[in-house]
Protein backbone atom coordinates (compact mmCIF):
# COMPACT_ATOMS: atom_id res chain seq x y z
CA UNK A 1 66.92 119.69 41.52
CA UNK A 2 70.27 118.61 42.85
CA UNK A 3 71.33 122.10 43.92
CA UNK A 4 67.84 122.75 45.51
CA UNK A 5 68.43 119.56 47.71
CA UNK A 6 71.84 120.65 48.59
CA UNK A 7 70.51 124.22 49.57
CA UNK A 8 67.71 122.59 51.71
CA UNK A 9 70.51 120.41 53.43
CA UNK A 10 72.54 123.36 54.16
CA UNK A 11 69.73 125.13 55.59
CA UNK A 12 68.80 122.22 57.82
CA UNK A 13 72.40 121.97 59.03
CA UNK A 14 72.48 125.63 59.86
CA UNK A 15 69.23 125.25 61.93
CA UNK A 16 70.83 122.46 63.82
CA UNK A 17 73.82 124.51 64.62
CA UNK A 18 74.44 124.61 68.42
CA UNK A 19 77.13 127.03 68.19
CA UNK A 20 75.67 130.16 66.67
CA UNK A 21 78.33 132.73 65.68
CA UNK A 22 77.88 136.40 67.05
CA UNK A 23 79.30 139.20 65.00
CA UNK A 24 82.09 140.99 66.34
CA UNK A 25 80.27 144.47 66.29
CA UNK A 26 77.76 142.95 68.96
CA UNK A 27 80.50 141.74 71.23
CA UNK A 28 81.32 143.87 74.18
CA UNK A 29 84.65 143.34 76.00
CA UNK A 30 85.46 144.56 79.47
CA UNK A 31 88.41 144.52 81.81
CA UNK A 32 86.55 142.39 84.25
CA UNK A 33 85.86 139.83 81.60
CA UNK A 34 89.54 139.65 80.65
CA UNK A 35 90.62 139.24 84.12
CA UNK A 36 88.36 136.45 84.72
CA UNK A 37 89.40 134.78 81.39
CA UNK A 38 93.08 135.00 82.39
CA UNK A 39 92.22 133.30 85.61
CA UNK A 40 90.25 130.64 83.77
CA UNK A 41 93.10 129.89 81.29
CA UNK A 42 95.78 129.72 84.14
CA UNK A 43 93.57 127.38 86.07
CA UNK A 44 92.88 125.14 83.12
CA UNK A 45 96.57 124.87 82.40
CA UNK A 46 97.58 123.99 85.91
CA UNK A 47 94.76 121.41 86.22
CA UNK A 48 95.71 119.98 82.81
CA UNK A 49 99.30 119.43 83.94
CA UNK A 50 98.12 117.74 87.13
CA UNK A 51 95.80 115.49 85.25
CA UNK A 52 98.45 114.41 82.90
CA UNK A 53 100.62 113.61 85.85
CA UNK A 54 97.76 111.37 87.16
CA UNK A 55 97.41 109.73 83.65
CA UNK A 56 101.03 108.86 83.61
CA UNK A 57 101.00 107.31 87.07
CA UNK A 58 99.95 103.82 87.72
CA UNK A 59 98.46 102.17 90.78
CA UNK A 60 97.95 98.75 92.39
CA UNK A 61 94.89 96.78 92.39
CA UNK A 62 94.41 94.10 94.99
CA UNK A 63 92.21 91.04 94.59
CA UNK A 64 91.76 88.25 97.21
CA UNK A 65 90.70 84.64 96.49
CA UNK A 66 91.23 81.20 98.15
CA UNK A 67 94.54 79.40 97.31
CA UNK A 68 93.57 76.19 95.79
CA UNK A 69 97.23 74.98 95.03
CA UNK A 70 98.60 72.90 97.99
CA UNK A 71 100.28 70.41 96.03
CA UNK A 72 103.10 72.51 94.55
CA UNK A 73 106.39 73.13 96.24
CA UNK A 74 107.26 76.34 98.13
CA UNK A 75 110.78 77.81 97.41
CA UNK A 76 112.69 79.59 100.18
CA UNK A 77 115.34 81.89 99.19
CA UNK A 78 118.04 82.28 101.95
CA UNK A 79 121.11 84.34 102.61
CA UNK A 80 122.09 84.54 106.19
CA UNK A 81 125.51 85.12 107.92
CA UNK A 82 126.05 83.55 111.36
CA UNK A 83 128.86 84.43 113.54
CA UNK A 84 129.97 81.00 113.96
CA UNK A 85 132.40 78.70 112.01
CA UNK A 86 130.68 76.64 109.37
CA UNK A 87 131.55 73.24 111.06
CA UNK A 88 129.69 74.29 114.19
CA UNK A 89 126.30 75.21 112.76
CA UNK A 90 123.75 73.44 110.62
CA UNK A 91 120.52 74.37 108.92
CA UNK A 92 117.41 72.48 107.86
CA UNK A 93 113.69 72.70 107.63
CA UNK A 94 111.18 70.54 109.39
CA UNK A 95 107.30 70.89 108.50
CA UNK A 96 104.16 69.78 110.16
CA UNK A 97 104.04 66.70 107.93
CA UNK A 98 107.31 65.59 109.84
CA UNK A 99 109.11 66.10 106.45
CA UNK A 100 112.79 67.18 106.86
CA UNK A 101 114.64 69.01 104.12
CA UNK A 102 118.42 69.06 104.77
CA UNK A 103 120.57 72.05 103.97
CA UNK A 104 122.56 69.87 101.56
CA UNK A 105 119.60 70.09 99.13
CA UNK A 106 120.28 73.49 98.08
CA UNK A 107 122.27 75.62 100.73
CA UNK A 108 125.85 76.54 100.44
CA UNK A 109 128.18 77.05 103.56
CA UNK A 110 130.75 79.85 102.85
CA UNK A 111 133.27 80.83 105.54
CA UNK A 112 133.96 84.58 105.91
CA UNK A 113 134.39 87.36 108.37
CA UNK A 114 131.27 88.64 110.22
CA UNK A 115 132.31 92.15 110.31
CA UNK A 116 131.44 93.89 107.00
CA UNK A 117 134.22 95.65 104.99
CA UNK A 118 133.86 99.33 104.42
CA UNK A 119 132.93 98.85 100.65
CA UNK A 120 130.12 96.58 101.54
CA UNK A 121 129.01 98.80 104.47
CA UNK A 122 128.79 101.74 101.91
CA UNK A 123 126.77 99.57 99.42
CA UNK A 124 124.29 98.69 101.99
CA UNK A 125 123.88 102.21 103.15
CA UNK A 126 123.25 103.36 99.63
CA UNK A 127 120.50 100.65 99.44
CA UNK A 128 118.91 101.88 102.61
CA UNK A 129 118.94 105.37 101.20
CA UNK A 130 117.18 104.07 98.05
CA UNK A 131 114.47 102.34 100.09
CA UNK A 132 113.96 105.47 102.23
CA UNK A 133 113.52 107.63 99.18
CA UNK A 134 110.93 105.27 97.66
CA UNK A 135 109.04 105.40 100.93
CA UNK A 136 108.76 109.16 100.76
CA UNK A 137 107.59 108.94 97.22
CA UNK A 138 104.77 106.43 97.69
CA UNK A 139 101.75 106.83 99.75
CA UNK A 140 101.50 102.83 100.55
CA UNK A 141 104.11 100.58 101.69
CA UNK A 142 102.67 97.87 99.53
CA UNK A 143 103.13 99.98 96.52
CA UNK A 144 106.79 100.54 97.57
CA UNK A 145 107.29 96.79 97.79
CA UNK A 146 105.73 95.90 94.37
CA UNK A 147 106.73 98.98 92.27
CA UNK A 148 110.30 98.35 93.33
CA UNK A 149 110.08 95.29 91.21
CA UNK A 150 110.20 97.28 87.95
CA UNK A 151 112.07 100.40 88.78
CA UNK A 152 115.63 100.88 87.62
CA UNK A 153 117.35 101.01 90.77
CA UNK A 154 118.01 97.51 92.25
CA UNK A 155 117.78 96.47 95.85
CA UNK A 156 119.83 93.26 95.73
CA UNK A 157 122.98 93.04 97.50
CA UNK A 158 126.14 92.61 95.44
CA UNK A 159 128.30 89.55 95.62
CA UNK A 160 130.39 89.39 98.95
CA UNK A 161 134.04 90.16 98.68
CA UNK A 162 136.54 89.25 101.54
CA UNK A 163 140.05 89.99 100.74
CA UNK A 164 141.08 90.08 104.47
CA UNK A 165 144.00 88.04 105.69
CA UNK A 166 142.24 87.10 108.96
CA UNK A 167 140.79 83.66 109.32
CA UNK A 168 137.17 83.47 108.85
CA UNK A 169 135.03 83.73 112.04
CA UNK A 170 131.54 83.39 110.57
CA UNK A 171 129.47 81.26 108.13
CA UNK A 172 127.39 82.69 105.24
CA UNK A 173 124.39 80.09 104.52
CA UNK A 174 122.85 81.04 101.34
CA UNK A 175 120.92 79.17 98.40
CA UNK A 176 117.28 77.94 98.28
CA UNK A 177 115.18 75.12 99.42
CA UNK A 178 111.89 73.46 98.14
CA UNK A 179 109.65 72.56 100.81
CA UNK A 180 105.99 71.31 101.11
CA UNK A 181 103.34 74.09 101.15
CA UNK A 182 102.52 73.63 104.86
CA UNK A 183 103.62 75.36 108.00
CA UNK A 184 107.20 74.58 108.90
CA UNK A 185 110.22 75.65 110.87
CA UNK A 186 113.62 76.71 109.29
CA UNK A 187 116.23 76.87 111.86
CA UNK A 188 119.96 77.30 112.16
CA UNK A 189 121.49 75.75 115.41
CA UNK A 190 124.56 74.27 116.68
CA UNK A 191 125.69 71.04 115.13
CA UNK A 192 124.92 69.41 111.68
CA UNK A 193 121.40 67.71 111.27
CA UNK A 194 121.12 63.97 111.25
CA UNK A 195 118.00 61.96 110.51
CA UNK A 196 116.08 60.51 113.41
CA UNK A 197 113.17 57.98 113.67
CA UNK A 198 111.15 60.59 115.66
CA UNK A 199 112.26 63.61 113.68
CA UNK A 200 115.68 64.88 113.48
CA UNK A 201 118.59 65.84 115.81
CA UNK A 202 121.82 68.06 115.75
CA UNK A 203 125.17 66.84 116.85
CA UNK A 204 125.79 69.48 119.33
CA UNK A 205 127.62 67.49 121.94
CA UNK A 206 130.93 68.17 120.43
CA UNK A 207 130.73 71.96 120.33
CA UNK A 208 131.65 74.12 123.34
CA UNK A 209 129.18 76.43 124.88
CA UNK A 210 131.82 79.16 124.85
CA UNK A 211 131.83 79.14 121.03
CA UNK A 212 128.13 79.76 120.81
CA UNK A 213 127.42 82.98 119.02
CA UNK A 214 124.31 83.32 117.14
CA UNK A 215 124.64 87.02 116.21
CA UNK A 216 123.52 87.06 112.46
CA UNK A 217 122.75 89.18 109.55
CA UNK A 218 119.85 88.50 107.00
CA UNK A 219 120.87 89.70 103.78
CA UNK A 220 118.03 88.23 102.06
CA UNK A 221 114.90 86.14 102.83
CA UNK A 222 112.12 85.47 100.59
CA UNK A 223 109.55 82.88 99.48
CA UNK A 224 108.43 81.99 95.95
CA UNK A 225 110.09 83.02 92.80
CA UNK A 226 113.25 85.05 93.37
CA UNK A 227 112.73 88.78 92.30
CA UNK A 228 115.85 90.60 93.32
CA UNK A 229 114.47 94.04 93.18
CA UNK A 230 111.57 93.50 95.58
CA UNK A 231 112.04 94.90 99.06
CA UNK A 232 111.49 92.07 101.75
CA UNK A 233 110.79 92.83 105.39
CA UNK A 234 113.82 90.98 106.77
CA UNK A 235 116.40 92.12 104.25
CA UNK A 236 119.28 93.85 106.08
CA UNK A 237 118.30 92.83 109.50
CA UNK A 238 121.12 92.32 111.94
CA UNK A 239 120.92 91.02 115.49
CA UNK A 240 123.89 90.78 117.94
CA UNK A 241 123.65 88.02 120.65
CA UNK A 242 124.19 89.29 124.31
CA UNK A 243 124.65 85.76 125.67
CA UNK A 244 126.11 82.45 124.39
CA UNK A 245 122.77 80.78 124.92
CA UNK A 246 120.40 82.89 123.12
CA UNK A 247 117.44 82.04 120.88
CA UNK A 248 116.24 84.35 117.97
CA UNK A 249 112.60 83.54 116.80
CA UNK A 250 110.90 84.91 113.54
CA UNK A 251 107.27 84.19 113.30
CA UNK A 252 106.29 84.52 109.72
CA UNK A 253 102.94 84.40 107.80
CA UNK A 254 103.42 83.88 104.06
CA UNK A 255 100.75 85.03 101.62
CA UNK A 256 100.77 83.58 98.04
CA UNK A 257 100.78 86.51 95.76
CA UNK A 258 100.61 86.73 91.95
CA UNK A 259 102.26 89.94 90.58
CA UNK A 260 101.13 91.23 87.18
CA UNK A 261 102.78 94.58 86.01
CA UNK A 262 103.55 96.12 82.74
CA UNK A 263 107.08 94.99 83.15
CA UNK A 264 107.02 91.78 85.18
CA UNK A 265 104.79 88.88 85.84
CA UNK A 266 105.53 86.55 88.43
CA UNK A 267 104.23 84.21 91.31
CA UNK A 268 105.86 85.18 94.53
CA UNK A 269 105.05 85.34 98.13
CA UNK A 270 104.89 88.43 100.48
CA UNK A 271 105.11 87.87 104.29
CA UNK A 272 104.79 89.56 107.61
CA UNK A 273 106.97 88.94 110.42
CA UNK A 274 107.07 89.25 114.28
CA UNK A 275 110.48 88.89 116.07
CA UNK A 276 111.38 87.76 119.53
CA UNK A 277 114.65 86.92 121.28
CA UNK A 278 115.42 85.57 124.68
CA UNK A 279 118.29 84.00 126.66
CA UNK A 280 117.89 80.31 127.43
CA UNK A 281 118.18 79.77 131.16
CA UNK A 282 116.77 76.54 132.50
CA UNK A 283 116.96 77.54 136.17
CA UNK A 284 114.92 80.61 135.47
CA UNK A 285 112.36 78.59 133.44
CA UNK A 286 113.50 79.83 129.87
CA UNK A 287 113.69 76.55 128.25
CA UNK A 288 114.61 76.02 124.57
CA UNK A 289 117.62 75.68 122.25
CA UNK A 290 120.06 78.18 121.16
CA UNK A 291 119.86 79.18 117.49
CA UNK A 292 117.89 80.98 114.85
CA UNK A 293 114.22 79.78 114.35
CA UNK A 294 112.07 81.03 111.51
CA UNK A 295 108.53 79.40 111.98
CA UNK A 296 106.51 80.21 109.04
CA UNK A 297 102.84 79.55 108.12
CA UNK A 298 101.07 79.53 104.85
CA UNK A 299 98.07 81.63 104.53
CA UNK A 300 94.84 80.19 102.90
CA UNK A 301 94.21 83.45 100.84
CA UNK A 302 95.85 84.30 97.66
CA UNK A 303 96.44 87.97 96.67
CA UNK A 304 96.45 89.00 93.03
CA UNK A 305 98.30 92.35 92.57
CA UNK A 306 97.71 94.01 89.23
CA UNK A 307 99.13 97.34 87.93
CA UNK A 308 96.50 99.50 86.41
CA UNK A 309 96.61 102.65 84.23
CA UNK A 310 94.20 105.16 83.39
CA UNK A 311 92.64 104.55 79.80
CA UNK A 312 93.23 107.36 77.25
CA UNK A 313 89.56 107.82 76.75
CA UNK A 314 89.09 108.42 80.40
CA UNK A 315 91.76 111.05 80.38
CA UNK A 316 90.18 112.95 77.47
CA UNK A 317 86.80 112.73 79.18
CA UNK A 318 88.26 114.24 82.46
CA UNK A 319 90.18 116.80 80.47
CA UNK A 320 87.02 118.02 78.68
CA UNK A 321 85.18 118.04 81.97
CA UNK A 322 88.02 120.31 83.51
CA UNK A 323 87.80 122.72 80.42
CA UNK A 324 84.03 122.91 80.14
CA UNK A 325 83.48 123.05 83.97
CA UNK A 326 85.95 125.98 84.35
CA UNK A 327 84.58 127.91 81.55
CA UNK A 328 80.89 127.39 82.80
CA UNK A 329 81.78 128.21 86.44
CA UNK A 330 83.83 131.38 85.70
CA UNK A 331 81.06 132.45 83.37
CA UNK A 332 78.46 132.13 86.06
CA UNK A 333 80.67 133.85 88.65
CA UNK A 334 81.31 136.69 86.29
CA UNK A 335 77.61 137.21 85.41
CA UNK A 336 76.68 137.00 89.03
CA UNK A 337 79.49 139.63 90.01
CA UNK A 338 78.31 141.99 87.16
CA UNK A 339 74.62 141.52 88.37
CA UNK A 340 75.66 142.49 92.11
CA UNK A 341 77.73 145.41 90.98
CA UNK A 342 75.08 146.84 88.64
CA UNK A 343 72.44 146.59 91.68
CA UNK A 344 74.86 148.44 93.93
CA UNK A 345 75.66 151.14 91.36
CA UNK A 346 71.90 151.59 90.55
CA UNK A 347 71.16 152.29 94.12
CA UNK A 348 73.97 154.68 94.37
CA UNK A 349 72.74 156.67 91.36
CA UNK A 350 69.05 156.78 92.68
CA UNK A 351 70.33 158.01 95.90
CA UNK A 352 72.37 160.88 94.29
CA UNK A 353 69.08 162.24 92.46
CA UNK A 354 67.03 163.11 95.57
CA UNK A 355 64.17 165.71 95.29
CA UNK A 356 64.84 169.37 96.10
CA UNK A 357 62.54 171.24 98.58
CA UNK A 358 59.83 173.72 97.06
CA UNK A 359 59.15 176.91 99.25
CA UNK A 360 55.40 177.60 99.96
CA UNK A 361 53.52 181.02 100.27
CA UNK A 362 53.28 180.68 104.05
CA UNK A 363 56.82 180.40 104.63
CA UNK A 364 57.10 176.55 104.78
CA UNK A 365 58.83 174.28 102.54
CA UNK A 366 57.66 171.10 100.72
CA UNK A 367 59.82 168.12 99.90
CA UNK A 368 57.38 166.85 97.28
CA UNK A 369 57.56 167.92 93.72
CA UNK A 370 54.67 169.97 92.37
CA UNK A 371 52.07 168.15 90.26
CA UNK A 372 51.75 169.39 86.85
CA UNK A 373 48.09 169.73 85.64
CA UNK A 374 46.05 171.69 83.04
CA UNK A 375 45.14 174.44 85.56
CA UNK A 376 48.71 175.18 86.24
CA UNK A 377 49.12 176.12 82.70
CA UNK A 378 46.54 178.97 82.83
């Protein structure tokens, strides 16, 4: 009884077989079929390699929402070299709430030479080549900015080295400041900043106009958590002043950004910038104060950047679709090609077996075949 049930089960499974086996004696092979099979296997191998490359790659997903955090402090990371002596310049921040943040709260003034040494110049040139190669690899500038955060090569500048015997003619202002999360103005101008009932002021009266030189180099400027490998828009910017009384302005829009990748998770801020520079000439109507002014504004939108990867099950589904689609397509094309070839050859064979003319008794010829009847047999 058990054997009978097993036999019925086997027979049922055989009837459900969707892949019936054909004996080899009934299989007919052809040169055209082998050629199509070779093309199909080659295409499958090529597309499989390409699909595996896509599976290994990652992409960035961008989500936008309203930034509801206005109580926290915003960190500004600064590394700027100005072509003036440290005792002649001062840096501070003044926001829309009339809150002043002095440079003594986190900035360091370091005297050095404005002209870069050959070694430092080679390092910066190498970093620019790295950035250029990344721009060629990626299709989106944003992907370059964020993917650089977890690639092996770093874009951070090395520590400055100055072994020259010349006296310093510039001042490197570097460090970080914590400011309110509102629009503000970070500026570097002549004289040290002093508190004032109506704002603040700079002691510029004791500095000669002939010593004004706001040529500067921005080695690093970023907002939020410091991530050394991220490429920032103003990193490596250098401006040379053409006049003693010259104003450099940078209008910056800061966007809060949450970055979540497989190797790093941080809350930073990306920004866009517009530059402007002009010579201060009160007689010509160009008013202002000589210096470097960075006016920043905080966007009300927050961007969440998430690195995504193709799931393994999706890779298998796409791979099965490639293999099955190519086999089905090549089989249909091969069958259609054989059908067309058979029609053409059949017409050619029918054309070669034309009827031969039959002579008649009166000397004429007939192109029709004679009919075979019973009378013709007598």
